[in-house]
Amino acid sequence: MVGLGRAIGETMIVLMATGNTPILDWSIFNGMRTLSANIAVEIPEAPLHGTLYRVLFLAAFLLFILTFILNTVAELVRQRLRRRYESI
């Protein structure tokens, strides 16, 4: 319950801070929409079992996989560094 509340809260903060514009541009000064914010904004408007609905779930799955891979790599690096500097 706490994790779900935290994820929703962080998504809404990022949504407000980035300007919530779904237009992709090369300028870093223009607004943007993150993947999690896009899911939060678009899911209420997606028809059940429609194409948009499935694409949003695919985006959520990709976000989960990317986060899982990055956390796993970070943990492996942390363990390796801990073993290396344990004797110092």
C-alpha atoms as a PDB file:
ATOM      1  CA  MET A   1       0.000   0.000   0.000  1.00  0.00           C
ATOM      2  CA  VAL A   2       2.816   2.393   0.881  1.00  0.00           C
ATOM      3  CA  GLY A   3       4.712   1.472  -2.302  1.00  0.00           C
ATOM      4  CA  LEU A   4       1.660   2.103  -4.474  1.00  0.00           C
ATOM      5  CA  GLY A   5       1.062   5.476  -2.828  1.00  0.00           C
ATOM      6  CA  ARG A   6       4.689   6.424  -3.284  1.00  0.00           C
ATOM      7  CA  ALA A   7       4.692   5.426  -6.956  1.00  0.00           C
ATOM      8  CA  ILE A   8       1.551   7.461  -7.654  1.00  0.00           C
ATOM      9  CA  GLY A   9       2.877  10.447  -5.729  1.00  0.00           C
ATOM     10  CA  GLU A  10       6.214  10.437  -7.534  1.00  0.00           C
ATOM     11  CA  THR A  11       4.481  10.054 -10.894  1.00  0.00           C
ATOM     12  CA  MET A  12       2.255  13.068 -10.257  1.00  0.00           C
ATOM     13  CA  ILE A  13       5.177  15.219  -9.114  1.00  0.00           C
ATOM     14  CA  VAL A  14       7.156  14.345 -12.245  1.00  0.00           C
ATOM     15  CA  LEU A  15       4.046  14.984 -14.334  1.00  0.00           C
ATOM     16  CA  MET A  16       3.669  18.487 -12.928  1.00  0.00           C
ATOM     17  CA  ALA A  17       7.379  19.349 -12.984  1.00  0.00           C
ATOM     18  CA  THR A  18       7.983  18.362 -16.604  1.00  0.00           C
ATOM     19  CA  GLY A  19       5.094  20.320 -18.042  1.00  0.00           C
ATOM     20  CA  ASN A  20       2.971  17.355 -19.188  1.00  0.00           C
ATOM     21  CA  THR A  21       3.463  17.874 -22.916  1.00  0.00           C
ATOM     22  CA  PRO A  22       3.411  14.701 -25.016  1.00  0.00           C
ATOM     23  CA  ILE A  23       5.317  16.389 -27.851  1.00  0.00           C
ATOM     24  CA  LEU A  24       8.861  15.056 -28.243  1.00  0.00           C
ATOM     25  CA  ASP A  25      11.434  17.718 -29.066  1.00  0.00           C
ATOM     26  CA  TRP A  26      15.242  17.842 -28.996  1.00  0.00           C
ATOM     27  CA  SER A  27      15.308  20.938 -26.792  1.00  0.00           C
ATOM     28  CA  ILE A  28      15.742  20.227 -23.082  1.00  0.00           C
ATOM     29  CA  PHE A  29      13.872  23.454 -22.268  1.00  0.00           C
ATOM     30  CA  ASN A  30      10.571  22.255 -23.735  1.00  0.00           C
ATOM     31  CA  GLY A  31       8.192  20.192 -21.658  1.00  0.00           C
ATOM     32  CA  MET A  32       8.076  16.428 -21.848  1.00  0.00           C
ATOM     33  CA  ARG A  33       6.107  13.489 -20.503  1.00  0.00           C
ATOM     34  CA  THR A  34       7.792  10.563 -18.792  1.00  0.00           C
ATOM     35  CA  LEU A  35       6.700   6.977 -19.371  1.00  0.00           C
ATOM     36  CA  SER A  36       5.042   6.635 -15.972  1.00  0.00           C
ATOM     37  CA  ALA A  37       3.292   9.984 -16.331  1.00  0.00           C
ATOM     38  CA  ASN A  38       2.062   8.986 -19.788  1.00  0.00           C
ATOM     39  CA  ILE A  39       0.545   5.813 -18.344  1.00  0.00           C
ATOM     40  CA  ALA A  40      -1.130   7.767 -15.523  1.00  0.00           C
ATOM     41  CA  VAL A  41      -2.614  10.372 -17.867  1.00  0.00           C
ATOM     42  CA  GLU A  42      -3.720   8.108 -20.707  1.00  0.00           C
ATOM     43  CA  ILE A  43      -5.106   5.032 -18.896  1.00  0.00           C
ATOM     44  CA  PRO A  44      -8.448   6.621 -17.869  1.00  0.00           C
ATOM     45  CA  GLU A  45      -9.148   7.543 -21.508  1.00  0.00           C
ATOM     46  CA  ALA A  46      -8.133   4.181 -22.986  1.00  0.00           C
ATOM     47  CA  PRO A  47     -11.015   1.940 -24.055  1.00  0.00           C
ATOM     48  CA  LEU A  48     -10.929  -1.418 -22.294  1.00  0.00           C
ATOM     49  CA  HIS A  49      -8.911  -3.976 -24.310  1.00  0.00           C
ATOM     50  CA  GLY A  50      -8.319  -1.451 -27.088  1.00  0.00           C
ATOM     51  CA  THR A  51      -5.032  -0.737 -28.810  1.00  0.00           C
ATOM     52  CA  LEU A  52      -4.149   2.217 -26.561  1.00  0.00           C
ATOM     53  CA  TYR A  53      -4.946   0.137 -23.487  1.00  0.00           C
ATOM     54  CA  ARG A  54      -2.595  -2.632 -24.618  1.00  0.00           C
ATOM     55  CA  VAL A  55       0.164  -0.205 -25.592  1.00  0.00           C
ATOM     56  CA  LEU A  56      -0.023   1.418 -22.156  1.00  0.00           C
ATOM     57  CA  PHE A  57       0.321  -1.979 -20.490  1.00  0.00           C
ATOM     58  CA  LEU A  58       3.261  -2.733 -22.769  1.00  0.00           C
ATOM     59  CA  ALA A  59       4.833   0.570 -21.694  1.00  0.00           C
ATOM     60  CA  ALA A  60       4.275  -0.363 -18.041  1.00  0.00           C
ATOM     61  CA  PHE A  61       5.838  -3.777 -18.635  1.00  0.00           C
ATOM     62  CA  LEU A  62       8.864  -2.213 -20.349  1.00  0.00           C
ATOM     63  CA  LEU A  63       9.224   0.279 -17.505  1.00  0.00           C
ATOM     64  CA  PHE A  64       9.121  -2.596 -14.995  1.00  0.00           C
ATOM     65  CA  ILE A  65      11.703  -4.641 -16.919  1.00  0.00           C
ATOM     66  CA  LEU A  66      14.036  -1.658 -17.333  1.00  0.00           C
ATOM     67  CA  THR A  67      13.791  -0.828 -13.634  1.00  0.00           C
ATOM     68  CA  PHE A  68      14.379  -4.471 -12.679  1.00  0.00           C
ATOM     69  CA  ILE A  69      17.475  -4.709 -14.900  1.00  0.00           C
ATOM     70  CA  LEU A  70      18.950  -1.434 -13.624  1.00  0.00           C
ATOM     71  CA  ASN A  71      18.357  -2.415  -9.985  1.00  0.00           C
ATOM     72  CA  THR A  72      19.891  -5.853 -10.555  1.00  0.00           C
ATOM     73  CA  VAL A  73      22.997  -4.383 -12.192  1.00  0.00           C
ATOM     74  CA  ALA A  74      23.336  -1.822  -9.397  1.00  0.00           C
ATOM     75  CA  GLU A  75      23.082  -4.551  -6.769  1.00  0.00           C
ATOM     76  CA  LEU A  76      25.725  -6.679  -8.528  1.00  0.00           C
ATOM     77  CA  VAL A  77      28.083  -3.692  -8.715  1.00  0.00           C
ATOM     78  CA  ARG A  78      27.445  -2.902  -5.045  1.00  0.00           C
ATOM     79  CA  GLN A  79      28.224  -6.472  -3.990  1.00  0.00           C
ATOM     80  CA  ARG A  80      31.360  -6.574  -6.101  1.00  0.00           C
ATOM     81  CA  LEU A  81      32.629  -3.279  -4.663  1.00  0.00           C
ATOM     82  CA  ARG A  82      31.804  -4.425  -1.139  1.00  0.00           C
ATOM     83  CA  ARG A  83      33.916  -7.588  -1.604  1.00  0.00           C
ATOM     84  CA  ARG A  84      36.749  -5.620  -3.168  1.00  0.00           C
ATOM     85  CA  TYR A  85      36.955  -2.950  -0.450  1.00  0.00           C
ATOM     86  CA  GLU A  86      36.080  -5.206   2.481  1.00  0.00           C
ATOM     87  CA  SER A  87      39.720  -5.904   3.286  1.00  0.00           C
ATOM     88  CA  ILE A  88      40.783  -2.245   3.279  1.00  0.00           C
END
